Amino acid sequence: MTPSKRDRDKLSRMGEAFDRVDDTLRGLALQGLQRTSTTTSDELQALGQMAHHAGLIHVERSLAVLVTLLVRYRSRDPVFRSSEWLSGVNRAWLNNTRARNAWTQADTPDQLLPVIGRARRKYVEVAEPLEVQALGAAGWVTDSDFVGVSVSLFGVRDGRMYQASIARPARYFGTEPRRLLRQDLSDHHALRFQDLAHGAWVLHGAKVSDDGRLSLHQNLTLEMAAWRGARAYTSLHCADWVSVMDLVRTHGLDPLRAQGSTVVYVEPGHVSPLRVDHKRSVATARMLDARGAVMSLRVPLTSQNNILVDNLEYLSAHRDWQPDGWFGVVYVAGGQLCFTPQTALYHKGVLLPIPAVQRVNEVHLSLEDLSKAKRP
């Protein structure tokens, strides 16, 4: 089938964008971070626009991250690390190279969508009611200056992982994700995000993207469902750190896969007191499994992690509040198996003001104050 003129023109724009991106990234690597200026930021922003018009969405977003990192570097952000800049340049180069390799064998731009990305996700409505249970929730701030909250949900019938998120510009909403937890799911729902982050729900009229993201559209209706307890975590439960490493090895083959996108549920035998290293801007602890193997609990000291660090320090000082299980993300960094917790699980439940006092089994450590919880 002969491609249309529109497709040929778009493929041609991609070819021009690939060359420009490669040249710019090569120049950044040669000149170094210290020789960058506001002109560099302007050049990257213009290049991002070129990538956008060529349909190279992943490349465009990688370049937007570099612009944000440059702003942080030039404003002397105390927690900025040169390794973040190096990682960002490498990620932009890898995205550009992968897209170029696929482009050489493609006849139409649509064939490249899995590689170049979509400007907007496509959501497909689920015919049957979707029953889900909240597993964990975390706040985040992106390098492109958005603040948000994501809730991880387990599909009771299909065993699939889903995610519901809310995001706002950090320029207007600040960099504290907890503020968004009490936001309504949307303009069409009275439920708050904090309600969705606890318990189980049946979603009628749910729309889901290919990667499991839920659309909180106006026709979506929610009703409470039976809570399955710890059974919902069975597919994510790793009995020891060898199992965790096997999971990371399976999911971590793609260097462009987002760090921390592999979630697990663990029940460590022992967790050491938290150690805060202000020089390296990181808080760490040792998590031991039943065999004595060590996994490093690691949390960067950034503003969005203030509540998470406070909760971990509270757990270190009050050993009787150690959770029965931990839900979070795992990855390998610096030759170590690392774990960043999102949620603490209590089998018997705790009383938590959210804002009215409720009995819950999960405390989302980066969003809720564990020191205010009480035993039932």
Protein backbone atom coordinates (compact mmCIF):
# COMPACT_ATOMS: atom_id res chain seq x y z
CA MET A 1 0.00 0.00 0.00
CA THR A 2 1.43 3.36 -1.05
CA PRO A 3 1.55 5.90 1.82
CA SER A 4 -0.41 9.10 1.35
CA LYS A 5 1.26 12.47 0.82
CA ARG A 6 0.32 13.45 4.37
CA ASP A 7 2.10 10.38 5.75
CA ARG A 8 5.14 10.99 3.55
CA ASP A 9 5.37 14.60 4.73
CA LYS A 10 5.12 13.58 8.37
CA LEU A 11 7.80 10.92 7.95
CA SER A 12 9.99 13.54 6.28
CA ARG A 13 9.52 15.92 9.24
CA MET A 14 10.53 13.10 11.56
CA GLY A 15 13.76 12.59 9.64
CA GLU A 16 14.64 16.28 9.96
CA ALA A 17 13.81 16.25 13.67
CA PHE A 18 15.99 13.17 14.32
CA ASP A 19 19.03 14.94 12.87
CA ARG A 20 18.41 18.16 14.80
CA VAL A 21 17.93 16.33 18.10
CA ASP A 22 21.09 14.26 17.60
CA ASP A 23 23.14 17.35 16.76
CA THR A 24 21.83 19.26 19.78
CA LEU A 25 22.40 16.40 22.24
CA ARG A 26 25.89 15.87 20.85
CA GLY A 27 26.62 19.55 21.40
CA LEU A 28 25.36 19.35 24.99
CA ALA A 29 27.61 16.38 25.66
CA LEU A 30 30.65 18.20 24.26
CA GLN A 31 30.13 21.56 25.96
CA GLY A 32 29.14 20.19 29.38
CA LEU A 33 26.58 21.38 31.90
CA GLN A 34 28.66 24.31 33.19
CA ARG A 35 28.70 26.01 29.79
CA THR A 36 24.92 25.97 29.34
CA SER A 37 22.95 29.22 29.44
CA THR A 38 19.43 30.56 29.00
CA THR A 39 20.07 30.30 25.26
CA THR A 40 20.44 26.53 25.72
CA SER A 41 17.01 26.38 27.35
CA ASP A 42 15.48 28.37 24.50
CA GLU A 43 17.10 26.07 21.95
CA LEU A 44 15.77 22.97 23.71
CA GLN A 45 12.26 24.45 23.91
CA ALA A 46 12.31 25.22 20.18
CA LEU A 47 13.58 21.71 19.50
CA GLY A 48 10.75 20.31 21.62
CA GLN A 49 8.25 22.18 19.44
CA MET A 50 9.88 20.71 16.34
CA ALA A 51 9.64 17.20 17.83
CA HIS A 52 5.98 17.83 18.70
CA HIS A 53 5.07 18.88 15.16
CA ALA A 54 6.89 15.79 13.87
CA GLY A 55 4.81 13.60 16.21
CA LEU A 56 7.80 12.51 18.33
CA ILE A 57 6.01 12.72 21.66
CA HIS A 58 8.49 10.74 23.78
CA VAL A 59 11.36 12.80 22.40
CA GLU A 60 9.47 16.04 23.05
CA ARG A 61 8.84 15.09 26.69
CA SER A 62 12.48 14.07 27.17
CA LEU A 63 13.55 17.50 25.93
CA ALA A 64 11.05 19.19 28.27
CA VAL A 65 12.70 17.38 31.19
CA LEU A 66 16.09 18.77 30.13
CA VAL A 67 14.67 22.31 30.10
CA THR A 68 13.36 21.87 33.66
CA LEU A 69 16.68 20.44 34.84
CA LEU A 70 18.53 23.40 33.32
CA VAL A 71 16.25 25.84 35.15
CA ARG A 72 16.93 24.02 38.42
CA TYR A 73 20.68 24.00 37.78
CA ARG A 74 20.85 27.70 36.94
CA SER A 75 18.73 28.62 39.96
CA ARG A 76 21.19 26.68 42.16
CA ASP A 77 18.62 24.17 43.40
CA PRO A 78 20.33 22.54 46.45
CA VAL A 79 19.02 19.06 45.62
CA PHE A 80 19.97 19.19 41.93
CA ARG A 81 22.33 16.40 40.90
CA SER A 82 24.48 16.32 37.79
CA SER A 83 23.61 12.62 37.48
CA GLU A 84 20.00 13.67 36.79
CA TRP A 85 21.19 15.80 33.87
CA LEU A 86 23.33 12.96 32.51
CA SER A 87 20.41 10.54 32.84
CA GLY A 88 18.08 13.02 31.12
CA VAL A 89 20.41 13.52 28.15
CA ASN A 90 20.88 9.75 27.81
CA ARG A 91 17.12 9.16 27.94
CA ALA A 92 16.49 11.80 25.26
CA TRP A 93 19.18 10.25 23.06
CA LEU A 94 17.81 6.73 23.57
CA ASN A 95 14.26 7.86 22.75
CA ASN A 96 15.48 9.58 19.60
CA THR A 97 17.63 6.63 18.51
CA ARG A 98 14.88 4.06 19.10
CA ALA A 99 12.38 6.15 17.14
CA ARG A 100 14.88 6.64 14.30
CA ASN A 101 15.58 2.90 14.06
CA ALA A 102 11.85 2.16 13.83
CA TRP A 103 11.35 5.04 11.36
CA THR A 104 13.74 3.49 8.83
CA GLN A 105 11.44 0.46 8.48
CA ALA A 106 8.01 2.16 8.75
CA ASP A 107 5.68 2.96 5.85
CA THR A 108 3.22 5.11 7.83
CA PRO A 109 3.44 7.16 11.07
CA ASP A 110 0.75 4.98 12.68
CA GLN A 111 3.17 2.05 12.66
CA LEU A 112 5.48 4.08 14.91
CA LEU A 113 2.97 5.01 17.62
CA PRO A 114 4.19 2.40 20.16
CA VAL A 115 7.69 3.90 19.84
CA ILE A 116 7.12 7.62 19.31
CA GLY A 117 4.18 7.93 21.71
CA ARG A 118 0.75 9.52 21.51
CA ALA A 119 -0.02 13.14 22.30
CA ARG A 120 -3.18 11.95 24.07
CA ARG A 121 -4.03 8.51 25.39
CA LYS A 122 -6.88 6.60 23.80
CA TYR A 123 -9.43 5.19 26.24
CA VAL A 124 -11.76 2.29 25.52
CA GLU A 125 -14.94 1.78 27.52
CA VAL A 126 -15.18 -1.46 29.48
CA ALA A 127 -18.45 -3.25 28.79
CA GLU A 128 -18.77 -4.93 32.21
CA PRO A 129 -18.59 -3.21 35.62
CA LEU A 130 -14.97 -2.98 36.76
CA GLU A 131 -14.33 -4.03 40.35
CA VAL A 132 -11.09 -2.68 41.82
CA GLN A 133 -9.36 -2.46 45.19
CA ALA A 134 -6.87 0.23 46.18
CA LEU A 135 -3.39 -1.16 46.84
CA GLY A 136 -1.35 1.99 47.29
CA ALA A 137 -1.07 5.68 46.49
CA ALA A 138 1.79 8.11 46.09
CA GLY A 139 2.37 11.78 45.40
CA TRP A 140 4.86 12.99 42.83
CA VAL A 141 6.32 16.04 41.13
CA THR A 142 7.58 15.64 37.57
CA ASP A 143 10.65 17.21 35.99
CA SER A 144 8.24 19.08 33.72
CA ASP A 145 6.74 20.85 36.78
CA PHE A 146 3.50 18.98 37.39
CA VAL A 147 2.36 17.83 40.82
CA GLY A 148 0.06 14.85 41.15
CA VAL A 149 -1.27 11.83 43.01
CA SER A 150 -1.59 8.32 41.59
CA VAL A 151 -3.64 5.48 43.08
CA SER A 152 -2.70 1.90 42.21
CA LEU A 153 -5.74 -0.36 41.86
CA PHE A 154 -6.09 -4.13 41.52
CA GLY A 155 -8.68 -5.51 39.12
CA VAL A 156 -10.50 -8.16 41.15
CA ARG A 157 -11.87 -10.13 38.18
CA ASP A 158 -9.07 -9.81 35.61
CA GLY A 159 -6.08 -9.53 37.98
CA ARG A 160 -4.83 -6.49 36.07
CA MET A 161 -3.20 -3.43 37.60
CA TYR A 162 -4.94 -0.09 37.00
CA GLN A 163 -4.01 3.45 37.89
CA ALA A 164 -6.05 6.59 38.51
CA SER A 165 -4.22 9.91 38.63
CA ILE A 166 -4.77 13.59 39.18
CA ALA A 167 -2.21 16.17 38.01
CA ARG A 168 -1.97 19.93 38.25
CA PRO A 169 0.68 22.54 37.29
CA ALA A 170 3.10 22.97 40.21
CA ARG A 171 3.32 26.68 39.38
CA TYR A 172 -0.25 27.16 40.64
CA PHE A 173 -0.72 24.29 43.10
CA GLY A 174 2.72 24.12 44.73
CA THR A 175 4.87 21.03 45.14
CA GLU A 176 2.96 19.32 47.98
CA PRO A 177 0.95 16.41 46.49
CA ARG A 178 -1.08 15.93 49.69
CA ARG A 179 -3.17 18.96 48.78
CA LEU A 180 -4.53 17.08 45.78
CA LEU A 181 -5.59 14.08 47.85
CA ARG A 182 -8.66 15.95 49.04
CA GLN A 183 -9.60 17.12 45.56
CA ASP A 184 -12.76 15.70 43.97
CA LEU A 185 -12.17 12.93 41.45
CA SER A 186 -13.44 15.34 38.82
CA ASP A 187 -15.96 18.13 38.40
CA HIS A 188 -18.62 15.45 37.98
CA HIS A 189 -17.98 13.38 41.15
CA ALA A 190 -18.42 14.22 44.82
CA LEU A 191 -15.95 11.52 45.90
CA ARG A 192 -12.42 12.65 46.72
CA PHE A 193 -9.22 11.03 45.62
CA GLN A 194 -8.64 10.00 49.22
CA ASP A 195 -11.87 7.99 49.11
CA LEU A 196 -10.71 6.11 46.02
CA ALA A 197 -7.35 5.42 47.69
CA HIS A 198 -8.99 3.31 50.42
CA GLY A 199 -11.24 0.27 50.13
CA ALA A 200 -12.80 -1.35 47.07
CA TRP A 201 -15.06 0.05 44.36
CA VAL A 202 -17.17 -1.02 41.40
CA LEU A 203 -16.77 1.30 38.42
CA HIS A 204 -19.62 1.49 35.91
CA GLY A 205 -18.81 2.89 32.47
CA ALA A 206 -15.06 2.75 33.10
CA LYS A 207 -12.73 3.76 30.28
CA VAL A 208 -9.22 2.30 30.24
CA SER A 209 -6.10 3.01 28.16
CA ASP A 210 -3.68 0.39 26.85
CA ASP A 211 -1.35 0.92 29.82
CA GLY A 212 -4.11 0.58 32.45
CA ARG A 213 -4.84 4.26 33.11
CA LEU A 214 -8.43 5.02 34.13
CA SER A 215 -10.33 7.99 32.71
CA LEU A 216 -12.37 9.78 35.37
CA HIS A 217 -14.96 11.03 32.88
CA GLN A 218 -18.36 12.54 33.66
CA ASN A 219 -20.38 9.37 32.94
CA LEU A 220 -18.33 7.21 35.30
CA THR A 221 -20.23 6.02 38.38
CA LEU A 222 -18.73 4.43 41.48
CA GLU A 223 -20.19 2.31 44.25
CA MET A 224 -18.53 0.60 47.19
CA ALA A 225 -17.59 -3.08 46.86
CA ALA A 226 -16.56 -5.88 49.20
CA TRP A 227 -12.97 -5.49 50.41
CA ARG A 228 -10.78 -8.52 49.68
CA GLY A 229 -8.04 -7.66 52.18
CA ALA A 230 -4.53 -9.01 51.71
CA ARG A 231 -5.70 -11.38 48.95
CA ALA A 232 -5.56 -8.46 46.52
CA TYR A 233 -1.78 -8.28 47.04
CA THR A 234 -1.14 -11.97 46.33
CA SER A 235 0.07 -11.51 42.74
CA LEU A 236 2.54 -8.81 43.88
CA HIS A 237 3.77 -10.56 47.03
CA CYS A 238 7.47 -11.45 47.07
CA ALA A 239 8.45 -13.73 49.92
CA ASP A 240 12.17 -12.84 49.75
CA TRP A 241 14.54 -10.48 47.95
CA VAL A 242 15.55 -13.12 45.41
CA SER A 243 11.94 -13.06 44.20
CA VAL A 244 12.07 -9.26 44.12
CA MET A 245 15.26 -9.35 42.05
CA ASP A 246 13.69 -11.81 39.62
CA LEU A 247 10.76 -9.42 39.20
CA VAL A 248 13.07 -6.45 38.56
CA ARG A 249 15.06 -8.48 36.05
CA THR A 250 11.89 -9.41 34.19
CA HIS A 251 10.50 -5.87 34.09
CA GLY A 252 13.76 -3.96 33.85
CA LEU A 253 15.09 -5.06 30.46
CA ASP A 254 13.96 -1.83 28.78
CA PRO A 255 16.32 1.06 29.67
CA LEU A 256 13.54 3.53 28.81
CA ARG A 257 11.12 1.99 31.27
CA ALA A 258 10.43 4.50 34.04
CA GLN A 259 12.45 3.86 37.17
CA GLY A 260 10.20 2.67 39.96
CA SER A 261 7.47 1.37 37.67
CA THR A 262 7.81 -2.15 39.13
CA VAL A 263 5.56 -2.45 42.18
CA VAL A 264 5.75 -5.15 44.85
CA TYR A 265 4.26 -6.12 48.19
CA VAL A 266 6.79 -7.32 50.78
CA GLU A 267 6.76 -8.38 54.42
CA PRO A 268 10.34 -7.86 55.64
CA GLY A 269 11.61 -9.64 58.70
CA HIS A 270 13.32 -6.52 60.01
CA VAL A 271 13.67 -2.85 59.05
CA SER A 272 16.52 -0.85 60.55
CA PRO A 273 16.05 2.72 61.83
CA LEU A 274 16.02 5.37 59.13
CA ARG A 275 19.29 7.16 58.43
CA VAL A 276 19.10 10.62 56.86
CA ASP A 277 22.14 11.67 54.80
CA HIS A 278 21.83 15.40 54.13
CA LYS A 279 25.09 15.46 52.18
CA ARG A 280 23.76 13.01 49.59
CA SER A 281 20.15 14.17 50.02
CA VAL A 282 18.80 10.70 50.67
CA ALA A 283 17.18 8.77 53.53
CA THR A 284 17.98 5.05 53.78
CA ALA A 285 17.24 1.99 55.89
CA ARG A 286 18.08 -1.71 55.66
CA MET A 287 15.24 -4.13 54.99
CA LEU A 288 16.06 -7.78 55.77
CA ASP A 289 14.11 -10.79 54.56
CA ALA A 290 13.72 -14.06 56.47
CA ARG A 291 17.13 -15.26 55.18
CA GLY A 292 18.96 -12.09 56.18
CA ALA A 293 19.35 -10.72 52.66
CA VAL A 294 19.40 -6.91 52.47
CA MET A 295 17.32 -4.57 50.34
CA SER A 296 17.90 -0.83 50.68
CA LEU A 297 14.92 1.34 51.54
CA ARG A 298 15.76 4.61 49.78
CA VAL A 299 13.92 7.95 49.64
CA PRO A 300 15.35 11.10 48.00
CA LEU A 301 15.18 14.21 50.20
CA THR A 302 12.91 16.30 48.02
CA SER A 303 10.04 18.56 49.01
CA GLN A 304 7.36 16.11 47.82
CA ASN A 305 8.88 13.42 50.08
CA ASN A 306 8.77 15.44 53.32
CA ILE A 307 5.73 13.59 54.68
CA LEU A 308 7.14 10.23 53.60
CA VAL A 309 10.41 10.87 55.45
CA ASP A 310 8.53 12.12 58.52
CA ASN A 311 6.42 8.94 58.57
CA LEU A 312 9.49 6.71 58.20
CA GLU A 313 11.18 8.54 61.07
CA TYR A 314 8.02 8.03 63.13
CA LEU A 315 8.14 4.30 62.40
CA SER A 316 11.80 4.22 63.43
CA ALA A 317 10.99 5.88 66.76
CA HIS A 318 7.84 3.80 67.43
CA ARG A 319 8.74 0.20 66.68
CA ASP A 320 5.29 -1.01 67.80
CA TRP A 321 3.86 0.78 64.73
CA GLN A 322 5.87 -1.27 62.24
CA PRO A 323 3.46 -2.29 59.45
CA ASP A 324 2.61 -5.89 58.61
CA GLY A 325 3.49 -5.27 54.97
CA TRP A 326 4.86 -2.66 52.59
CA PHE A 327 3.66 -1.73 49.11
CA GLY A 328 6.07 0.22 46.92
CA VAL A 329 8.37 0.30 43.93
CA VAL A 330 11.65 -1.53 43.40
CA TYR A 331 14.61 -0.82 41.16
CA VAL A 332 18.38 -1.28 40.98
CA ALA A 333 20.65 1.72 41.58
CA GLY A 334 24.35 1.88 42.38
CA GLY A 335 24.58 -1.91 42.34
CA GLN A 336 21.94 -2.22 45.07
CA LEU A 337 18.39 -3.52 45.13
CA CYS A 338 16.33 -0.51 46.26
CA PHE A 339 12.80 -0.07 47.53
CA THR A 340 10.81 3.16 47.85
CA PRO A 341 7.68 2.63 49.98
CA GLN A 342 4.32 4.03 49.05
CA THR A 343 1.90 2.43 51.49
CA ALA A 344 2.08 0.71 54.89
CA LEU A 345 -0.38 -2.17 55.40
CA TYR A 346 -1.93 -3.09 58.78
CA HIS A 347 -3.91 -6.34 58.86
CA LYS A 348 -5.99 -5.28 61.88
CA GLY A 349 -6.52 -1.75 60.61
CA VAL A 350 -5.89 1.68 62.14
CA LEU A 351 -8.04 4.73 62.82
CA LEU A 352 -7.01 7.60 60.57
CA PRO A 353 -8.53 11.11 60.29
CA ILE A 354 -9.12 11.60 56.53
CA PRO A 355 -10.54 14.10 57.61
CA ALA A 356 -13.27 12.26 59.56
CA VAL A 357 -11.90 9.32 61.55
CA GLN A 358 -12.14 6.11 59.53
CA ARG A 359 -10.85 2.61 60.02
CA VAL A 360 -8.45 1.76 57.20
CA ASN A 361 -5.89 -0.94 56.54
CA GLU A 362 -3.56 1.12 54.38
CA VAL A 363 -1.70 4.32 55.20
CA HIS A 364 -0.25 6.11 52.19
CA LEU A 365 3.06 7.27 53.57
CA SER A 366 3.74 10.21 51.24
CA LEU A 367 0.21 11.58 51.63
CA GLU A 368 -1.16 10.78 55.12
CA ASP A 369 0.24 11.53 58.57
CA LEU A 370 0.87 8.25 60.37
CA SER A 371 1.53 10.03 63.69
CA LYS A 372 -2.18 10.94 63.82
CA ALA A 373 -3.30 7.31 63.49
CA LYS A 374 -4.62 5.35 66.44
CA ARG A 375 -5.21 1.70 67.21
CA PRO A 376 -8.89 0.66 67.05
